[in-house]
Amino acid sequence: MAEETVSVDIPKSVADKIEEKRKGSEFGSLSEYVGYVLREVVSEEDEEEVFSEEDEERVKERLKALGYLD
């Protein structure tokens, strides 16, 4: 079963540039390409980990112990 979709308006100049990048790729349409790129961006944001101050301090202390930091 296909995933439900919604429409998004983008400037024609942007769509033209995307279409140029899509040519010669495995993507059959502009929508497929844009959907893929947006899924990648969203998944990268979900995967980002932020160190707490405590974690950062432990890393710094470990790097000092290894001689990488003064």
PDB file of N, CA and C in Angstrom:
ATOM      1  N   MET A   1       0.843  -1.183   0.000  1.00  0.00           N
ATOM      2  CA  MET A   1       0.000   0.000   0.000  1.00  0.00           C
ATOM      3  C   MET A   1       0.886   1.244   0.000  1.00  0.00           C
ATOM      4  N   ALA A   2       0.608   2.190  -0.857  1.00  0.00           N
ATOM      5  CA  ALA A   2       1.398   3.420  -0.981  1.00  0.00           C
ATOM      6  C   ALA A   2       1.161   4.329   0.216  1.00  0.00           C
ATOM      7  N   GLU A   3       2.218   5.033   0.585  1.00  0.00           N
ATOM      8  CA  GLU A   3       2.128   5.980   1.683  1.00  0.00           C
ATOM      9  C   GLU A   3       1.301   7.186   1.260  1.00  0.00           C
ATOM     10  N   GLU A   4       0.474   7.693   2.168  1.00  0.00           N
ATOM     11  CA  GLU A   4      -0.332   8.884   1.883  1.00  0.00           C
ATOM     12  C   GLU A   4       0.595  10.068   1.648  1.00  0.00           C
ATOM     13  N   THR A   5       0.245  10.933   0.725  1.00  0.00           N
ATOM     14  CA  THR A   5       1.086  12.085   0.401  1.00  0.00           C
ATOM     15  C   THR A   5       0.321  13.387   0.563  1.00  0.00           C
ATOM     16  N   VAL A   6       1.078  14.476   0.609  1.00  0.00           N
ATOM     17  CA  VAL A   6       0.520  15.823   0.617  1.00  0.00           C
ATOM     18  C   VAL A   6       1.305  16.640  -0.402  1.00  0.00           C
ATOM     19  N   SER A   7       0.745  17.735  -0.834  1.00  0.00           N
ATOM     20  CA  SER A   7       1.417  18.601  -1.800  1.00  0.00           C
ATOM     21  C   SER A   7       2.085  19.766  -1.081  1.00  0.00           C
ATOM     22  N   VAL A   8       3.236  20.171  -1.612  1.00  0.00           N
ATOM     23  CA  VAL A   8       3.975  21.306  -1.076  1.00  0.00           C
ATOM     24  C   VAL A   8       4.366  22.187  -2.252  1.00  0.00           C
ATOM     25  N   ASP A   9       4.177  23.479  -2.132  1.00  0.00           N
ATOM     26  CA  ASP A   9       4.566  24.411  -3.194  1.00  0.00           C
ATOM     27  C   ASP A   9       6.008  24.848  -2.982  1.00  0.00           C
ATOM     28  N   ILE A  10       6.780  24.801  -4.070  1.00  0.00           N
ATOM     29  CA  ILE A  10       8.147  25.312  -4.050  1.00  0.00           C
ATOM     30  C   ILE A  10       8.322  26.208  -5.275  1.00  0.00           C
ATOM     31  N   PRO A  11       9.236  27.151  -5.210  1.00  0.00           N
ATOM     32  CA  PRO A  11       9.452  28.023  -6.363  1.00  0.00           C
ATOM     33  C   PRO A  11       9.878  27.214  -7.594  1.00  0.00           C
ATOM     34  N   LYS A  12       9.427  27.650  -8.749  1.00  0.00           N
ATOM     35  CA  LYS A  12       9.747  26.960 -10.004  1.00  0.00           C
ATOM     36  C   LYS A  12      11.249  26.904 -10.212  1.00  0.00           C
ATOM     37  N   SER A  13      11.966  27.965  -9.870  1.00  0.00           N
ATOM     38  CA  SER A  13      13.420  27.969 -10.048  1.00  0.00           C
ATOM     39  C   SER A  13      14.082  26.855  -9.238  1.00  0.00           C
ATOM     40  N   VAL A  14      13.565  26.592  -8.041  1.00  0.00           N
ATOM     41  CA  VAL A  14      14.094  25.515  -7.201  1.00  0.00           C
ATOM     42  C   VAL A  14      13.737  24.164  -7.816  1.00  0.00           C
ATOM     43  N   ALA A  15      12.499  24.035  -8.267  1.00  0.00           N
ATOM     44  CA  ALA A  15      12.064  22.784  -8.897  1.00  0.00           C
ATOM     45  C   ALA A  15      12.909  22.477 -10.133  1.00  0.00           C
ATOM     46  N   ASP A  16      13.239  23.500 -10.900  1.00  0.00           N
ATOM     47  CA  ASP A  16      14.069  23.301 -12.094  1.00  0.00           C
ATOM     48  C   ASP A  16      15.461  22.792 -11.714  1.00  0.00           C
ATOM     49  N   LYS A  17      16.041  23.357 -10.663  1.00  0.00           N
ATOM     50  CA  LYS A  17      17.364  22.924 -10.212  1.00  0.00           C
ATOM     51  C   LYS A  17      17.313  21.483  -9.696  1.00  0.00           C
ATOM     52  N   ILE A  18      16.269  21.161  -8.969  1.00  0.00           N
ATOM     53  CA  ILE A  18      16.107  19.799  -8.455  1.00  0.00           C
ATOM     54  C   ILE A  18      15.942  18.826  -9.614  1.00  0.00           C
ATOM     55  N   GLU A  19      15.165  19.223 -10.603  1.00  0.00           N
ATOM     56  CA  GLU A  19      14.936  18.370 -11.768  1.00  0.00           C
ATOM     57  C   GLU A  19      16.256  18.069 -12.483  1.00  0.00           C
ATOM     58  N   GLU A  20      17.142  19.047 -12.571  1.00  0.00           N
ATOM     59  CA  GLU A  20      18.450  18.826 -13.188  1.00  0.00           C
ATOM     60  C   GLU A  20      19.259  17.795 -12.402  1.00  0.00           C
ATOM     61  N   LYS A  21      19.221  17.883 -11.070  1.00  0.00           N
ATOM     62  CA  LYS A  21      19.931  16.921 -10.225  1.00  0.00           C
ATOM     63  C   LYS A  21      19.317  15.531 -10.353  1.00  0.00           C
ATOM     64  N   ARG A  22      18.018  15.456 -10.523  1.00  0.00           N
ATOM     65  CA  ARG A  22      17.310  14.177 -10.595  1.00  0.00           C
ATOM     66  C   ARG A  22      17.609  13.431 -11.878  1.00  0.00           C
ATOM     67  N   LYS A  23      17.833  14.160 -12.957  1.00  0.00           N
ATOM     68  CA  LYS A  23      18.087  13.519 -14.248  1.00  0.00           C
ATOM     69  C   LYS A  23      19.268  12.567 -14.129  1.00  0.00           C
ATOM     70  N   GLY A  24      19.118  11.394 -14.706  1.00  0.00           N
ATOM     71  CA  GLY A  24      20.174  10.401 -14.654  1.00  0.00           C
ATOM     72  C   GLY A  24      20.215   9.619 -13.357  1.00  0.00           C
ATOM     73  N   SER A  25      19.283   9.880 -12.462  1.00  0.00           N
ATOM     74  CA  SER A  25      19.223   9.142 -11.199  1.00  0.00           C
ATOM     75  C   SER A  25      18.164   8.051 -11.312  1.00  0.00           C
ATOM     76  N   GLU A  26      18.041   7.284 -10.261  1.00  0.00           N
ATOM     77  CA  GLU A  26      17.033   6.214 -10.243  1.00  0.00           C
ATOM     78  C   GLU A  26      15.636   6.719  -9.886  1.00  0.00           C
ATOM     79  N   PHE A  27      15.499   8.010  -9.602  1.00  0.00           N
ATOM     80  CA  PHE A  27      14.211   8.566  -9.208  1.00  0.00           C
ATOM     81  C   PHE A  27      13.370   8.853 -10.443  1.00  0.00           C
ATOM     82  N   GLY A  28      12.148   8.364 -10.424  1.00  0.00           N
ATOM     83  CA  GLY A  28      11.268   8.491 -11.579  1.00  0.00           C
ATOM     84  C   GLY A  28      10.549   9.822 -11.680  1.00  0.00           C
ATOM     85  N   SER A  29      10.578  10.610 -10.615  1.00  0.00           N
ATOM     86  CA  SER A  29       9.872  11.889 -10.651  1.00  0.00           C
ATOM     87  C   SER A  29      10.498  12.861  -9.671  1.00  0.00           C
ATOM     88  N   LEU A  30      10.168  14.107  -9.853  1.00  0.00           N
ATOM     89  CA  LEU A  30      10.606  15.163  -8.951  1.00  0.00           C
ATOM     90  C   LEU A  30      10.117  14.865  -7.536  1.00  0.00           C
ATOM     91  N   SER A  31       8.871  14.425  -7.417  1.00  0.00           N
ATOM     92  CA  SER A  31       8.301  14.129  -6.092  1.00  0.00           C
ATOM     93  C   SER A  31       9.055  13.020  -5.383  1.00  0.00           C
ATOM     94  N   GLU A  32       9.435  11.979  -6.107  1.00  0.00           N
ATOM     95  CA  GLU A  32      10.200  10.884  -5.504  1.00  0.00           C
ATOM     96  C   GLU A  32      11.528  11.398  -4.975  1.00  0.00           C
ATOM     97  N   TYR A  33      12.198  12.209  -5.784  1.00  0.00           N
ATOM     98  CA  TYR A  33      13.508  12.732  -5.402  1.00  0.00           C
ATOM     99  C   TYR A  33      13.391  13.631  -4.169  1.00  0.00           C
ATOM    100  N   VAL A  34      12.458  14.559  -4.202  1.00  0.00           N
ATOM    101  CA  VAL A  34      12.276  15.486  -3.078  1.00  0.00           C
ATOM    102  C   VAL A  34      11.878  14.721  -1.823  1.00  0.00           C
ATOM    103  N   GLY A  35      10.996  13.741  -1.953  1.00  0.00           N
ATOM    104  CA  GLY A  35      10.594  12.924  -0.807  1.00  0.00           C
ATOM    105  C   GLY A  35      11.779  12.211  -0.188  1.00  0.00           C
ATOM    106  N   TYR A  36      12.641  11.655  -1.045  1.00  0.00           N
ATOM    107  CA  TYR A  36      13.828  10.964  -0.558  1.00  0.00           C
ATOM    108  C   TYR A  36      14.745  11.923   0.203  1.00  0.00           C
ATOM    109  N   VAL A  37      15.011  13.076  -0.380  1.00  0.00           N
ATOM    110  CA  VAL A  37      15.901  14.055   0.249  1.00  0.00           C
ATOM    111  C   VAL A  37      15.335  14.503   1.596  1.00  0.00           C
ATOM    112  N   LEU A  38      14.051  14.780   1.643  1.00  0.00           N
ATOM    113  CA  LEU A  38      13.442  15.233   2.896  1.00  0.00           C
ATOM    114  C   LEU A  38      13.469  14.138   3.960  1.00  0.00           C
ATOM    115  N   ARG A  39      13.238  12.883   3.566  1.00  0.00           N
ATOM    116  CA  ARG A  39      13.330  11.784   4.541  1.00  0.00           C
ATOM    117  C   ARG A  39      14.742  11.697   5.106  1.00  0.00           C
ATOM    118  N   GLU A  40      15.752  11.876   4.257  1.00  0.00           N
ATOM    119  CA  GLU A  40      17.141  11.839   4.717  1.00  0.00           C
ATOM    120  C   GLU A  40      17.418  12.959   5.709  1.00  0.00           C
ATOM    121  N   VAL A  41      16.957  14.149   5.400  1.00  0.00           N
ATOM    122  CA  VAL A  41      17.178  15.291   6.290  1.00  0.00           C
ATOM    123  C   VAL A  41      16.504  15.057   7.637  1.00  0.00           C
ATOM    124  N   VAL A  42      15.277  14.604   7.616  1.00  0.00           N
ATOM    125  CA  VAL A  42      14.540  14.374   8.856  1.00  0.00           C
ATOM    126  C   VAL A  42      15.191  13.261   9.675  1.00  0.00           C
ATOM    127  N   SER A  43      15.629  12.190   9.028  1.00  0.00           N
ATOM    128  CA  SER A  43      16.237  11.091   9.770  1.00  0.00           C
ATOM    129  C   SER A  43      17.581  11.509  10.357  1.00  0.00           C
ATOM    130  N   GLU A  44      18.345  12.365   9.656  1.00  0.00           N
ATOM    131  CA  GLU A  44      19.603  12.863  10.199  1.00  0.00           C
ATOM    132  C   GLU A  44      19.360  13.686  11.452  1.00  0.00           C
ATOM    133  N   GLU A  45      18.318  14.495  11.438  1.00  0.00           N
ATOM    134  CA  GLU A  45      17.997  15.303  12.612  1.00  0.00           C
ATOM    135  C   GLU A  45      17.615  14.409  13.785  1.00  0.00           C
ATOM    136  N   ASP A  46      16.901  13.326  13.519  1.00  0.00           N
ATOM    137  CA  ASP A  46      16.501  12.402  14.577  1.00  0.00           C
ATOM    138  C   ASP A  46      17.694  11.682  15.178  1.00  0.00           C
ATOM    139  N   GLU A  47      18.747  11.479  14.382  1.00  0.00           N
ATOM    140  CA  GLU A  47      19.909  10.730  14.826  1.00  0.00           C
ATOM    141  C   GLU A  47      20.921  11.577  15.567  1.00  0.00           C
ATOM    142  N   GLU A  48      20.811  12.892  15.471  1.00  0.00           N
ATOM    143  CA  GLU A  48      21.787  13.756  16.125  1.00  0.00           C
ATOM    144  C   GLU A  48      21.723  13.577  17.635  1.00  0.00           C
ATOM    145  N   GLU A  49      22.903  13.389  18.223  1.00  0.00           N
ATOM    146  CA  GLU A  49      22.986  13.292  19.671  1.00  0.00           C
ATOM    147  C   GLU A  49      23.698  14.526  20.187  1.00  0.00           C
ATOM    148  N   VAL A  50      23.184  15.061  21.250  1.00  0.00           N
ATOM    149  CA  VAL A  50      23.788  16.230  21.864  1.00  0.00           C
ATOM    150  C   VAL A  50      24.403  15.781  23.179  1.00  0.00           C
ATOM    151  N   PHE A  51      25.689  16.108  23.347  1.00  0.00           N
ATOM    152  CA  PHE A  51      26.354  15.769  24.595  1.00  0.00           C
ATOM    153  C   PHE A  51      25.879  16.687  25.702  1.00  0.00           C
ATOM    154  N   SER A  52      25.671  16.113  26.867  1.00  0.00           N
ATOM    155  CA  SER A  52      25.389  16.940  28.032  1.00  0.00           C
ATOM    156  C   SER A  52      26.704  17.568  28.469  1.00  0.00           C
ATOM    157  N   GLU A  53      26.623  18.555  29.336  1.00  0.00           N
ATOM    158  CA  GLU A  53      27.852  19.183  29.844  1.00  0.00           C
ATOM    159  C   GLU A  53      28.704  18.151  30.566  1.00  0.00           C
ATOM    160  N   GLU A  54      28.064  17.241  31.260  1.00  0.00           N
ATOM    161  CA  GLU A  54      28.778  16.178  31.982  1.00  0.00           C
ATOM    162  C   GLU A  54      29.509  15.261  30.997  1.00  0.00           C
ATOM    163  N   ASP A  55      28.829  14.872  29.918  1.00  0.00           N
ATOM    164  CA  ASP A  55      29.453  14.027  28.895  1.00  0.00           C
ATOM    165  C   ASP A  55      30.649  14.739  28.266  1.00  0.00           C
ATOM    166  N   GLU A  56      30.471  16.009  27.951  1.00  0.00           N
ATOM    167  CA  GLU A  56      31.540  16.787  27.333  1.00  0.00           C
ATOM    168  C   GLU A  56      32.746  16.876  28.267  1.00  0.00           C
ATOM    169  N   GLU A  57      32.500  17.074  29.532  1.00  0.00           N
ATOM    170  CA  GLU A  57      33.590  17.167  30.499  1.00  0.00           C
ATOM    171  C   GLU A  57      34.331  15.835  30.605  1.00  0.00           C
ATOM    172  N   ARG A  58      33.607  14.713  30.579  1.00  0.00           N
ATOM    173  CA  ARG A  58      34.254  13.397  30.616  1.00  0.00           C
ATOM    174  C   ARG A  58      35.137  13.177  29.387  1.00  0.00           C
ATOM    175  N   VAL A  59      34.654  13.597  28.228  1.00  0.00           N
ATOM    176  CA  VAL A  59      35.434  13.455  27.000  1.00  0.00           C
ATOM    177  C   VAL A  59      36.702  14.294  27.104  1.00  0.00           C
ATOM    178  N   LYS A  60      36.565  15.536  27.573  1.00  0.00           N
ATOM    179  CA  LYS A  60      37.733  16.410  27.722  1.00  0.00           C
ATOM    180  C   LYS A  60      38.757  15.803  28.682  1.00  0.00           C
ATOM    181  N   GLU A  61      38.281  15.270  29.786  1.00  0.00           N
ATOM    182  CA  GLU A  61      39.193  14.656  30.756  1.00  0.00           C
ATOM    183  C   GLU A  61      39.893  13.445  30.151  1.00  0.00           C
ATOM    184  N   ARG A  62      39.184  12.665  29.393  1.00  0.00           N
ATOM    185  CA  ARG A  62      39.781  11.490  28.735  1.00  0.00           C
ATOM    186  C   ARG A  62      40.822  11.931  27.700  1.00  0.00           C
ATOM    187  N   LEU A  63      40.519  12.955  26.931  1.00  0.00           N
ATOM    188  CA  LEU A  63      41.478  13.469  25.948  1.00  0.00           C
ATOM    189  C   LEU A  63      42.717  14.036  26.629  1.00  0.00           C
ATOM    190  N   LYS A  64      42.537  14.687  27.780  1.00  0.00           N
ATOM    191  CA  LYS A  64      43.687  15.189  28.552  1.00  0.00           C
ATOM    192  C   LYS A  64      44.538  14.018  29.025  1.00  0.00           C
ATOM    193  N   ALA A  65      43.882  12.973  29.543  1.00  0.00           N
ATOM    194  CA  ALA A  65      44.606  11.802  30.039  1.00  0.00           C
ATOM    195  C   ALA A  65      45.386  11.111  28.920  1.00  0.00           C
ATOM    196  N   LEU A  66      44.894  11.189  27.711  1.00  0.00           N
ATOM    197  CA  LEU A  66      45.568  10.588  26.567  1.00  0.00           C
ATOM    198  C   LEU A  66      46.620  11.506  25.961  1.00  0.00           C
ATOM    199  N   GLY A  67      46.697  12.747  26.467  1.00  0.00           N
ATOM    200  CA  GLY A  67      47.694  13.685  25.984  1.00  0.00           C
ATOM    201  C   GLY A  67      47.284  14.511  24.796  1.00  0.00           C
ATOM    202  N   TYR A  68      46.002  14.472  24.431  1.00  0.00           N
ATOM    203  CA  TYR A  68      45.537  15.255  23.278  1.00  0.00           C
ATOM    204  C   TYR A  68      45.208  16.688  23.649  1.00  0.00           C
ATOM    205  N   LEU A  69      44.914  16.951  24.901  1.00  0.00           N
ATOM    206  CA  LEU A  69      44.604  18.295  25.371  1.00  0.00           C
ATOM    207  C   LEU A  69      45.520  18.647  26.524  1.00  0.00           C
ATOM    208  N   ASP A  70      45.811  19.947  26.662  1.00  0.00           N
ATOM    209  CA  ASP A  70      46.643  20.416  27.785  1.00  0.00           C
ATOM    210  C   ASP A  70      45.784  20.778  28.959  1.00  0.00           C
TER     211      ASP A  70
END
